[in-house]
């Protein structure tokens, strides 16, 4: 009688397991690379949203203070500062505009990497009569809407695969 050893092969060999682990690890490396790109892109989108929000916030501040807007106090590059306008120490129209610009510069520096801003206003019309005579606006003598166009520019550094890239949001509006 001939005995044949008919052994059924079951399971995996060590070589097969090593090849499967190698293929699986290459897949995980690809997913990790996509995740880092995704996180960076999400963060850059967040910065762009913040820049747009800060530009619109400054336009709202300008709309709320038309006397200083007509006087040109909102034009230029803001600098960070510590001027305070409170109930105990109220500010006039131009001082309030200076305070707004300082707060905007502080917000840009905090919210955006190397964040800066600039405002350029071009007045098309003439200065209202009540502002020429230095009368304070009132219900009887309101300040008309600004008759011009302002360009609000927010700049910052955005991180990309090539390093930091300068970015800008430009908002052209009539406050």
N, C-alpha and C. Protein backbone atom coordinates (compact mmCIF):
# COMPACT_ATOMS: atom_id res chain seq x y z
N UNK A 1 0.81 -1.16 0.00
CA UNK A 1 0.00 0.00 0.00
C UNK A 1 0.87 1.25 0.00
N UNK A 2 0.48 2.10 -0.81
CA UNK A 2 1.26 3.33 -0.93
C UNK A 2 0.51 4.43 -0.18
N UNK A 3 1.26 4.95 0.72
CA UNK A 3 0.66 6.07 1.47
C UNK A 3 1.15 7.38 0.87
N UNK A 4 0.24 8.16 0.48
CA UNK A 4 0.60 9.48 -0.05
C UNK A 4 0.17 10.52 0.98
N UNK A 5 1.03 11.39 1.16
CA UNK A 5 0.74 12.45 2.11
C UNK A 5 -0.01 13.55 1.37
N UNK A 6 -1.32 13.51 1.45
CA UNK A 6 -2.14 14.52 0.80
C UNK A 6 -2.49 15.57 1.84
N UNK A 7 -1.61 16.45 1.96
CA UNK A 7 -1.86 17.51 2.92
C UNK A 7 -2.48 18.69 2.19
N UNK A 8 -3.59 19.14 2.70
CA UNK A 8 -4.28 20.27 2.11
C UNK A 8 -3.62 21.54 2.65
N UNK A 9 -3.24 22.43 1.74
CA UNK A 9 -2.60 23.66 2.19
C UNK A 9 -3.67 24.65 2.60
N UNK A 10 -3.54 25.14 3.80
CA UNK A 10 -4.49 26.10 4.31
C UNK A 10 -3.72 27.28 4.90
N UNK A 11 -4.36 28.47 4.86
CA UNK A 11 -3.75 29.65 5.46
C UNK A 11 -2.84 30.37 4.49
N UNK A 12 -2.12 31.33 5.02
CA UNK A 12 -1.23 32.16 4.22
C UNK A 12 0.19 31.89 4.61
N UNK A 13 1.04 32.08 3.67
CA UNK A 13 2.46 31.97 3.99
C UNK A 13 2.92 33.33 4.50
N UNK A 14 4.05 33.34 5.11
CA UNK A 14 4.59 34.58 5.65
C UNK A 14 4.86 35.58 4.53
N UNK A 15 5.26 35.16 3.39
CA UNK A 15 5.54 36.04 2.26
C UNK A 15 4.26 36.72 1.78
N UNK A 16 3.18 36.01 1.72
CA UNK A 16 1.91 36.60 1.29
C UNK A 16 1.45 37.68 2.27
N UNK A 17 1.63 37.41 3.57
CA UNK A 17 1.25 38.39 4.58
C UNK A 17 2.10 39.65 4.46
N UNK A 18 3.39 39.51 4.23
CA UNK A 18 4.26 40.67 4.08
C UNK A 18 3.89 41.49 2.86
N UNK A 19 3.55 40.88 1.76
CA UNK A 19 3.14 41.60 0.55
C UNK A 19 1.83 42.34 0.81
N UNK A 20 0.89 41.72 1.50
CA UNK A 20 -0.39 42.38 1.81
C UNK A 20 -0.17 43.60 2.71
N UNK A 21 0.69 43.47 3.70
CA UNK A 21 0.98 44.60 4.59
C UNK A 21 1.66 45.73 3.81
N UNK A 22 2.54 45.40 2.89
CA UNK A 22 3.22 46.41 2.08
C UNK A 22 2.22 47.17 1.19
N UNK A 23 1.33 46.47 0.54
CA UNK A 23 0.32 47.11 -0.30
C UNK A 23 -0.60 47.99 0.54
N UNK A 24 -1.00 47.49 1.69
CA UNK A 24 -1.87 48.24 2.59
C UNK A 24 -1.19 49.52 3.08
N UNK A 25 0.11 49.45 3.41
CA UNK A 25 0.83 50.63 3.90
C UNK A 25 0.99 51.68 2.81
N UNK A 26 1.17 51.28 1.55
CA UNK A 26 1.23 52.25 0.46
C UNK A 26 -0.11 52.96 0.30
N UNK A 27 -1.18 52.24 0.46
CA UNK A 27 -2.51 52.87 0.41
C UNK A 27 -2.69 53.88 1.53
N UNK A 28 -2.24 53.53 2.74
CA UNK A 28 -2.35 54.46 3.87
C UNK A 28 -1.49 55.71 3.67
N UNK A 29 -0.32 55.54 3.06
CA UNK A 29 0.53 56.71 2.79
C UNK A 29 -0.17 57.66 1.81
N UNK A 30 -0.82 57.12 0.81
CA UNK A 30 -1.56 57.95 -0.14
C UNK A 30 -2.69 58.70 0.54
N UNK A 31 -3.41 58.03 1.42
CA UNK A 31 -4.52 58.67 2.14
C UNK A 31 -3.97 59.76 3.07
N UNK A 32 -2.84 59.51 3.72
CA UNK A 32 -2.26 60.51 4.61
C UNK A 32 -1.83 61.75 3.82
N UNK A 33 -1.28 61.57 2.63
CA UNK A 33 -0.91 62.70 1.79
C UNK A 33 -2.12 63.52 1.37
N UNK A 34 -3.21 62.83 1.03
CA UNK A 34 -4.44 63.55 0.66
C UNK A 34 -5.00 64.30 1.85
N UNK A 35 -4.89 63.75 3.04
CA UNK A 35 -5.41 64.41 4.23
C UNK A 35 -4.64 65.70 4.53
N UNK A 36 -3.32 65.69 4.38
CA UNK A 36 -2.55 66.91 4.65
C UNK A 36 -2.92 68.00 3.64
N UNK A 37 -3.09 67.64 2.39
CA UNK A 37 -3.50 68.63 1.37
C UNK A 37 -4.90 69.15 1.70
N UNK A 38 -5.78 68.27 2.13
CA UNK A 38 -7.15 68.66 2.46
C UNK A 38 -7.17 69.63 3.64
N UNK A 39 -6.39 69.36 4.67
CA UNK A 39 -6.35 70.23 5.84
C UNK A 39 -5.80 71.61 5.46
N UNK A 40 -4.76 71.64 4.65
CA UNK A 40 -4.17 72.92 4.23
C UNK A 40 -5.17 73.71 3.38
N UNK A 41 -5.86 73.04 2.47
CA UNK A 41 -6.84 73.71 1.62
C UNK A 41 -8.01 74.23 2.45
N UNK A 42 -8.47 73.46 3.42
CA UNK A 42 -9.53 73.92 4.31
C UNK A 42 -9.10 75.15 5.09
N UNK A 43 -7.87 75.15 5.59
CA UNK A 43 -7.39 76.30 6.35
C UNK A 43 -7.29 77.53 5.46
N UNK A 44 -6.83 77.37 4.24
CA UNK A 44 -6.74 78.50 3.32
C UNK A 44 -8.13 79.05 2.98
N UNK A 45 -9.11 78.19 2.86
CA UNK A 45 -10.48 78.64 2.65
C UNK A 45 -11.00 79.40 3.85
N UNK A 46 -10.64 78.95 5.03
CA UNK A 46 -11.02 79.66 6.27
C UNK A 46 -10.40 81.05 6.29
N UNK A 47 -9.11 81.16 5.92
CA UNK A 47 -8.45 82.47 5.90
C UNK A 47 -9.12 83.40 4.90
N UNK A 48 -9.50 82.87 3.74
CA UNK A 48 -10.17 83.68 2.73
C UNK A 48 -11.53 84.18 3.25
N UNK A 49 -12.25 83.33 3.96
CA UNK A 49 -13.52 83.74 4.56
C UNK A 49 -13.32 84.82 5.62
N UNK A 50 -12.27 84.66 6.44
CA UNK A 50 -11.97 85.67 7.46
C UNK A 50 -11.63 87.00 6.82
N UNK A 51 -10.83 86.98 5.74
CA UNK A 51 -10.45 88.21 5.06
C UNK A 51 -11.68 88.91 4.50
N UNK A 52 -12.58 88.16 3.91
CA UNK A 52 -13.81 88.73 3.36
C UNK A 52 -14.67 89.32 4.48
N UNK A 53 -14.79 88.61 5.59
CA UNK A 53 -15.55 89.10 6.73
C UNK A 53 -14.96 90.41 7.27
N UNK A 54 -13.63 90.47 7.40
CA UNK A 54 -12.99 91.67 7.93
C UNK A 54 -13.14 92.86 6.99
N UNK A 55 -13.10 92.62 5.68
CA UNK A 55 -13.31 93.70 4.71
C UNK A 55 -14.74 94.24 4.82
N UNK A 56 -15.71 93.35 4.90
CA UNK A 56 -17.10 93.78 5.02
C UNK A 56 -17.35 94.48 6.36
N UNK A 57 -16.67 94.04 7.42
CA UNK A 57 -16.79 94.68 8.72
C UNK A 57 -16.33 96.13 8.66
N UNK A 58 -15.23 96.37 7.94
CA UNK A 58 -14.73 97.74 7.83
C UNK A 58 -15.69 98.60 7.02
N UNK A 59 -16.29 98.05 5.99
CA UNK A 59 -17.27 98.81 5.21
C UNK A 59 -18.47 99.17 6.08
N UNK A 60 -18.90 98.26 6.93
CA UNK A 60 -20.00 98.56 7.86
C UNK A 60 -19.63 99.69 8.82
N UNK A 61 -18.39 99.69 9.31
CA UNK A 61 -17.93 100.75 10.19
C UNK A 61 -17.94 102.10 9.46
N UNK A 62 -17.56 102.07 8.20
CA UNK A 62 -17.54 103.31 7.41
C UNK A 62 -18.96 103.82 7.18
N UNK A 63 -19.89 102.93 6.93
CA UNK A 63 -21.29 103.33 6.74
C UNK A 63 -21.87 103.95 8.01
N UNK A 64 -21.42 103.47 9.15
CA UNK A 64 -21.94 103.96 10.42
C UNK A 64 -21.40 105.34 10.79
N UNK A 65 -20.34 105.79 10.13
CA UNK A 65 -19.71 107.07 10.45
C UNK A 65 -19.51 107.87 9.15
N UNK A 66 -20.60 108.35 8.53
CA UNK A 66 -20.47 109.03 7.24
C UNK A 66 -19.74 110.36 7.31
N UNK A 67 -19.74 111.01 8.46
CA UNK A 67 -19.03 112.30 8.58
C UNK A 67 -17.54 112.08 8.36
N UNK A 68 -16.96 111.10 9.02
CA UNK A 68 -15.53 110.81 8.85
C UNK A 68 -15.25 110.24 7.47
N UNK A 69 -16.20 109.52 6.91
CA UNK A 69 -16.02 108.98 5.56
C UNK A 69 -15.91 110.12 4.55
N UNK A 70 -16.82 111.10 4.67
CA UNK A 70 -16.77 112.27 3.79
C UNK A 70 -15.48 113.05 4.00
N UNK A 71 -14.98 113.09 5.24
CA UNK A 71 -13.76 113.85 5.55
C UNK A 71 -12.50 113.12 5.09
N UNK A 72 -12.62 111.85 4.70
CA UNK A 72 -11.46 111.10 4.22
C UNK A 72 -10.64 110.46 5.32
N UNK A 73 -11.17 110.38 6.52
CA UNK A 73 -10.42 109.80 7.64
C UNK A 73 -10.21 108.30 7.48
N UNK A 74 -11.08 107.64 6.75
CA UNK A 74 -10.96 106.18 6.59
C UNK A 74 -9.98 105.79 5.49
N UNK A 75 -9.42 106.73 4.79
CA UNK A 75 -8.52 106.41 3.68
C UNK A 75 -7.11 106.15 4.21
N UNK A 76 -6.47 105.12 3.69
CA UNK A 76 -5.08 104.82 4.03
C UNK A 76 -4.90 103.43 4.60
N UNK A 77 -3.70 103.19 5.08
CA UNK A 77 -3.34 101.91 5.69
C UNK A 77 -3.43 102.07 7.20
N UNK A 78 -4.24 101.25 7.87
CA UNK A 78 -4.39 101.41 9.31
C UNK A 78 -3.16 100.91 10.06
N UNK A 79 -2.94 101.51 11.21
CA UNK A 79 -1.87 101.07 12.11
C UNK A 79 -2.50 100.61 13.41
N UNK A 80 -1.88 99.63 14.03
CA UNK A 80 -2.39 99.16 15.31
C UNK A 80 -2.19 100.25 16.35
N UNK A 81 -3.09 100.32 17.29
CA UNK A 81 -3.00 101.36 18.30
C UNK A 81 -3.81 101.02 19.53
N UNK A 82 -3.91 101.99 20.43
CA UNK A 82 -4.62 101.73 21.68
C UNK A 82 -5.61 102.84 22.02
N UNK A 83 -6.06 103.62 21.03
CA UNK A 83 -7.06 104.64 21.27
C UNK A 83 -8.35 103.97 21.75
N UNK A 84 -9.00 104.57 22.74
CA UNK A 84 -10.24 103.99 23.26
C UNK A 84 -11.37 104.99 23.15
N UNK A 85 -12.51 104.52 22.70
CA UNK A 85 -13.73 105.32 22.68
C UNK A 85 -14.72 104.62 23.59
N UNK A 86 -15.02 105.24 24.72
CA UNK A 86 -15.94 104.66 25.69
C UNK A 86 -16.96 105.71 26.10
N UNK A 87 -17.93 105.32 26.90
CA UNK A 87 -18.89 106.29 27.40
C UNK A 87 -18.21 107.32 28.30
N UNK A 88 -17.20 106.90 29.04
CA UNK A 88 -16.48 107.82 29.90
C UNK A 88 -15.57 108.74 29.10
N UNK A 89 -15.10 108.26 27.96
CA UNK A 89 -14.19 109.04 27.11
C UNK A 89 -14.69 108.95 25.67
N UNK A 90 -15.74 109.70 25.32
CA UNK A 90 -16.31 109.61 23.98
C UNK A 90 -15.38 110.23 22.93
N UNK A 91 -15.54 109.77 21.72
CA UNK A 91 -14.74 110.25 20.60
C UNK A 91 -15.62 111.02 19.63
N UNK A 92 -15.01 111.95 18.93
CA UNK A 92 -15.70 112.64 17.84
C UNK A 92 -15.70 111.75 16.61
N UNK A 93 -16.22 112.29 15.51
CA UNK A 93 -16.35 111.50 14.29
C UNK A 93 -15.00 111.02 13.76
N UNK A 94 -14.02 111.93 13.68
CA UNK A 94 -12.72 111.55 13.13
C UNK A 94 -11.95 110.65 14.10
N UNK A 95 -12.07 110.90 15.40
CA UNK A 95 -11.40 110.03 16.38
C UNK A 95 -12.01 108.63 16.35
N UNK A 96 -13.32 108.57 16.13
CA UNK A 96 -13.97 107.26 16.02
C UNK A 96 -13.49 106.51 14.79
N UNK A 97 -13.27 107.24 13.69
CA UNK A 97 -12.72 106.61 12.49
C UNK A 97 -11.31 106.09 12.74
N UNK A 98 -10.51 106.86 13.47
CA UNK A 98 -9.16 106.41 13.81
C UNK A 98 -9.23 105.17 14.69
N UNK A 99 -10.15 105.16 15.64
CA UNK A 99 -10.36 103.99 16.49
C UNK A 99 -10.78 102.77 15.65
N UNK A 100 -11.71 102.99 14.71
CA UNK A 100 -12.14 101.90 13.83
C UNK A 100 -10.97 101.33 13.02
N UNK A 101 -10.14 102.22 12.51
CA UNK A 101 -8.99 101.76 11.71
C UNK A 101 -8.01 100.97 12.59
N UNK A 102 -7.79 101.44 13.82
CA UNK A 102 -6.89 100.71 14.72
C UNK A 102 -7.45 99.34 15.08
N UNK A 103 -8.73 99.28 15.37
CA UNK A 103 -9.35 97.99 15.69
C UNK A 103 -9.30 97.05 14.49
N UNK A 104 -9.49 97.60 13.30
CA UNK A 104 -9.42 96.78 12.09
C UNK A 104 -8.01 96.24 11.90
N UNK A 105 -7.00 97.09 12.11
CA UNK A 105 -5.60 96.63 12.00
C UNK A 105 -5.30 95.56 13.04
N UNK A 106 -5.81 95.72 14.26
CA UNK A 106 -5.61 94.70 15.29
C UNK A 106 -6.27 93.38 14.89
N UNK A 107 -7.48 93.45 14.35
CA UNK A 107 -8.20 92.24 13.93
C UNK A 107 -7.48 91.55 12.77
N UNK A 108 -6.97 92.32 11.83
CA UNK A 108 -6.23 91.74 10.71
C UNK A 108 -4.98 91.01 11.19
N UNK A 109 -4.27 91.62 12.12
CA UNK A 109 -3.04 91.02 12.63
C UNK A 109 -3.32 89.74 13.42
N UNK A 110 -4.45 89.70 14.12
CA UNK A 110 -4.79 88.52 14.92
C UNK A 110 -5.35 87.40 14.06
N UNK A 111 -6.21 87.73 13.10
CA UNK A 111 -6.97 86.73 12.36
C UNK A 111 -6.23 86.14 11.16
N UNK A 112 -5.31 86.89 10.57
CA UNK A 112 -4.65 86.46 9.35
C UNK A 112 -3.13 86.46 9.52
N UNK A 113 -2.43 85.48 8.93
CA UNK A 113 -0.97 85.50 9.00
C UNK A 113 -0.41 86.66 8.18
N UNK A 114 0.30 87.56 8.82
CA UNK A 114 0.83 88.78 8.20
C UNK A 114 -0.28 89.60 7.56
N UNK A 115 -1.42 89.68 8.23
CA UNK A 115 -2.58 90.38 7.69
C UNK A 115 -2.44 91.89 7.75
N UNK A 116 -2.69 92.53 6.62
CA UNK A 116 -2.69 93.99 6.53
C UNK A 116 -3.89 94.43 5.70
N UNK A 117 -4.20 95.71 5.78
CA UNK A 117 -5.32 96.23 5.03
C UNK A 117 -5.03 97.62 4.50
N UNK A 118 -5.82 98.02 3.52
CA UNK A 118 -5.70 99.35 2.95
C UNK A 118 -7.06 99.77 2.42
N UNK A 119 -7.36 101.06 2.56
CA UNK A 119 -8.62 101.60 2.06
C UNK A 119 -8.31 102.80 1.18
N UNK A 120 -8.86 102.80 -0.02
CA UNK A 120 -8.70 103.92 -0.95
C UNK A 120 -10.09 104.36 -1.38
N UNK A 121 -10.47 105.57 -1.01
CA UNK A 121 -11.78 106.11 -1.37
C UNK A 121 -11.62 107.23 -2.38
N UNK A 122 -12.49 107.22 -3.37
CA UNK A 122 -12.52 108.29 -4.37
C UNK A 122 -13.90 108.92 -4.32
N UNK A 123 -13.94 110.16 -3.89
CA UNK A 123 -15.19 110.89 -3.76
C UNK A 123 -15.53 111.51 -5.11
N UNK A 124 -16.72 111.25 -5.61
CA UNK A 124 -17.16 111.78 -6.89
C UNK A 124 -17.88 113.11 -6.70
N UNK A 125 -18.67 113.21 -5.63
CA UNK A 125 -19.49 114.39 -5.39
C UNK A 125 -18.77 115.46 -4.60
N UNK A 126 -19.54 116.46 -4.17
CA UNK A 126 -19.00 117.54 -3.35
C UNK A 126 -19.39 117.33 -1.90
N UNK A 127 -18.60 117.91 -1.02
CA UNK A 127 -18.84 117.79 0.41
C UNK A 127 -20.18 118.42 0.76
N UNK A 128 -21.01 117.74 1.54
CA UNK A 128 -22.31 118.31 1.93
C UNK A 128 -22.15 119.62 2.68
N UNK A 129 -23.13 120.50 2.52
CA UNK A 129 -23.06 121.84 3.11
C UNK A 129 -22.95 121.80 4.62
N UNK A 130 -23.65 120.90 5.28
CA UNK A 130 -23.58 120.87 6.74
C UNK A 130 -22.20 120.44 7.24
N UNK A 131 -21.43 119.71 6.43
CA UNK A 131 -20.08 119.34 6.84
C UNK A 131 -19.10 120.46 6.55
N UNK A 132 -19.38 121.26 5.53
CA UNK A 132 -18.52 122.41 5.23
C UNK A 132 -18.58 123.41 6.37
N UNK A 133 -19.79 123.63 6.92
CA UNK A 133 -19.95 124.58 8.02
C UNK A 133 -19.68 123.94 9.37
N UNK A 134 -19.24 122.69 9.38
CA UNK A 134 -18.87 121.95 10.60
C UNK A 134 -20.05 121.77 11.54
N UNK A 135 -21.24 121.69 11.00
CA UNK A 135 -22.39 121.38 11.83
C UNK A 135 -22.45 119.88 12.07
N UNK A 136 -22.85 119.52 13.25
CA UNK A 136 -23.03 118.10 13.54
C UNK A 136 -24.28 117.62 12.82
N UNK A 137 -24.26 116.41 12.28
CA UNK A 137 -25.45 115.90 11.62
C UNK A 137 -26.59 115.74 12.62
N UNK A 138 -27.79 115.94 12.15
CA UNK A 138 -28.95 115.78 13.01
C UNK A 138 -30.10 115.27 12.15
N UNK A 139 -31.26 115.11 12.76
CA UNK A 139 -32.44 114.70 12.02
C UNK A 139 -32.79 115.74 10.97
N UNK A 140 -32.53 117.02 11.28
CA UNK A 140 -32.87 118.12 10.37
C UNK A 140 -31.78 118.35 9.33
N UNK A 141 -30.60 117.90 9.63
CA UNK A 141 -29.48 118.10 8.70
C UNK A 141 -28.67 116.82 8.61
N UNK A 142 -29.23 115.77 8.02
CA UNK A 142 -28.50 114.49 7.98
C UNK A 142 -27.37 114.52 6.95
N UNK A 143 -26.46 113.60 7.12
CA UNK A 143 -25.36 113.45 6.17
C UNK A 143 -25.85 112.56 5.03
N UNK A 144 -25.73 113.02 3.79
CA UNK A 144 -26.18 112.19 2.67
C UNK A 144 -25.25 110.98 2.49
N UNK A 145 -25.71 109.98 1.79
CA UNK A 145 -24.84 108.83 1.53
C UNK A 145 -23.57 109.26 0.80
N UNK A 146 -22.51 108.55 1.05
CA UNK A 146 -21.22 108.87 0.44
C UNK A 146 -21.34 108.78 -1.07
N UNK A 147 -20.88 109.81 -1.73
CA UNK A 147 -20.98 109.89 -3.18
C UNK A 147 -19.64 109.53 -3.82
N UNK A 148 -19.25 108.30 -3.63
CA UNK A 148 -17.98 107.84 -4.16
C UNK A 148 -17.84 106.34 -4.02
N UNK A 149 -16.66 105.87 -4.34
CA UNK A 149 -16.38 104.44 -4.31
C UNK A 149 -15.14 104.21 -3.46
N UNK A 150 -15.19 103.19 -2.62
CA UNK A 150 -14.04 102.82 -1.79
C UNK A 150 -13.57 101.42 -2.15
N UNK A 151 -12.27 101.25 -2.21
CA UNK A 151 -11.66 99.95 -2.44
C UNK A 151 -11.00 99.50 -1.14
N UNK A 152 -11.52 98.43 -0.57
CA UNK A 152 -10.99 97.87 0.67
C UNK A 152 -10.17 96.63 0.30
N UNK A 153 -8.88 96.66 0.62
CA UNK A 153 -7.98 95.56 0.27
C UNK A 153 -7.45 94.92 1.54
N UNK A 154 -7.57 93.60 1.62
CA UNK A 154 -7.02 92.82 2.74
C UNK A 154 -5.98 91.87 2.16
N UNK A 155 -4.77 91.90 2.72
CA UNK A 155 -3.67 91.06 2.24
C UNK A 155 -3.16 90.17 3.37
N UNK A 156 -2.70 88.98 3.00
CA UNK A 156 -2.14 88.04 3.99
C UNK A 156 -1.28 87.02 3.26
N UNK A 157 -0.58 86.19 4.03
CA UNK A 157 0.26 85.11 3.49
C UNK A 157 -0.47 83.79 3.64
N UNK A 158 -0.59 83.05 2.56
CA UNK A 158 -1.28 81.76 2.58
C UNK A 158 -0.27 80.66 2.36
N UNK A 159 -0.39 79.58 3.12
CA UNK A 159 0.56 78.49 2.99
C UNK A 159 0.12 77.54 1.87
N UNK A 160 1.05 77.26 0.96
CA UNK A 160 0.80 76.33 -0.14
C UNK A 160 1.94 75.32 -0.20
N UNK A 161 1.89 74.46 -1.18
CA UNK A 161 2.98 73.48 -1.32
C UNK A 161 4.30 74.16 -1.68
N UNK A 162 4.23 75.32 -2.32
CA UNK A 162 5.44 76.04 -2.71
C UNK A 162 5.91 76.99 -1.61
N UNK A 163 5.25 77.03 -0.48
CA UNK A 163 5.61 77.94 0.61
C UNK A 163 4.52 78.98 0.80
N UNK A 164 4.89 80.07 1.44
CA UNK A 164 3.93 81.14 1.69
C UNK A 164 3.70 81.96 0.42
N UNK A 165 2.44 82.14 0.07
CA UNK A 165 2.07 82.90 -1.12
C UNK A 165 1.22 84.09 -0.70
N UNK A 166 1.53 85.29 -1.23
CA UNK A 166 0.68 86.45 -0.88
C UNK A 166 -0.70 86.32 -1.51
N UNK A 167 -1.72 86.66 -0.73
CA UNK A 167 -3.11 86.61 -1.19
C UNK A 167 -3.79 87.93 -0.88
N UNK A 168 -4.87 88.22 -1.61
CA UNK A 168 -5.61 89.45 -1.41
C UNK A 168 -7.10 89.23 -1.62
N UNK A 169 -7.88 89.98 -0.86
CA UNK A 169 -9.29 90.11 -1.11
C UNK A 169 -9.52 91.60 -1.35
N UNK A 170 -10.11 91.94 -2.49
CA UNK A 170 -10.38 93.33 -2.83
C UNK A 170 -11.89 93.50 -2.92
N UNK A 171 -12.40 94.44 -2.13
CA UNK A 171 -13.83 94.72 -2.09
C UNK A 171 -14.03 96.15 -2.55
N UNK A 172 -14.71 96.33 -3.68
CA UNK A 172 -15.01 97.66 -4.20
C UNK A 172 -16.48 97.93 -3.91
N UNK A 173 -16.74 99.01 -3.16
CA UNK A 173 -18.08 99.26 -2.68
C UNK A 173 -18.37 100.75 -2.56
N UNK A 174 -19.63 101.07 -2.46
CA UNK A 174 -20.05 102.42 -2.12
C UNK A 174 -20.64 102.36 -0.72
N UNK A 175 -19.86 102.78 0.28
CA UNK A 175 -20.33 102.65 1.67
C UNK A 175 -21.55 103.50 1.96
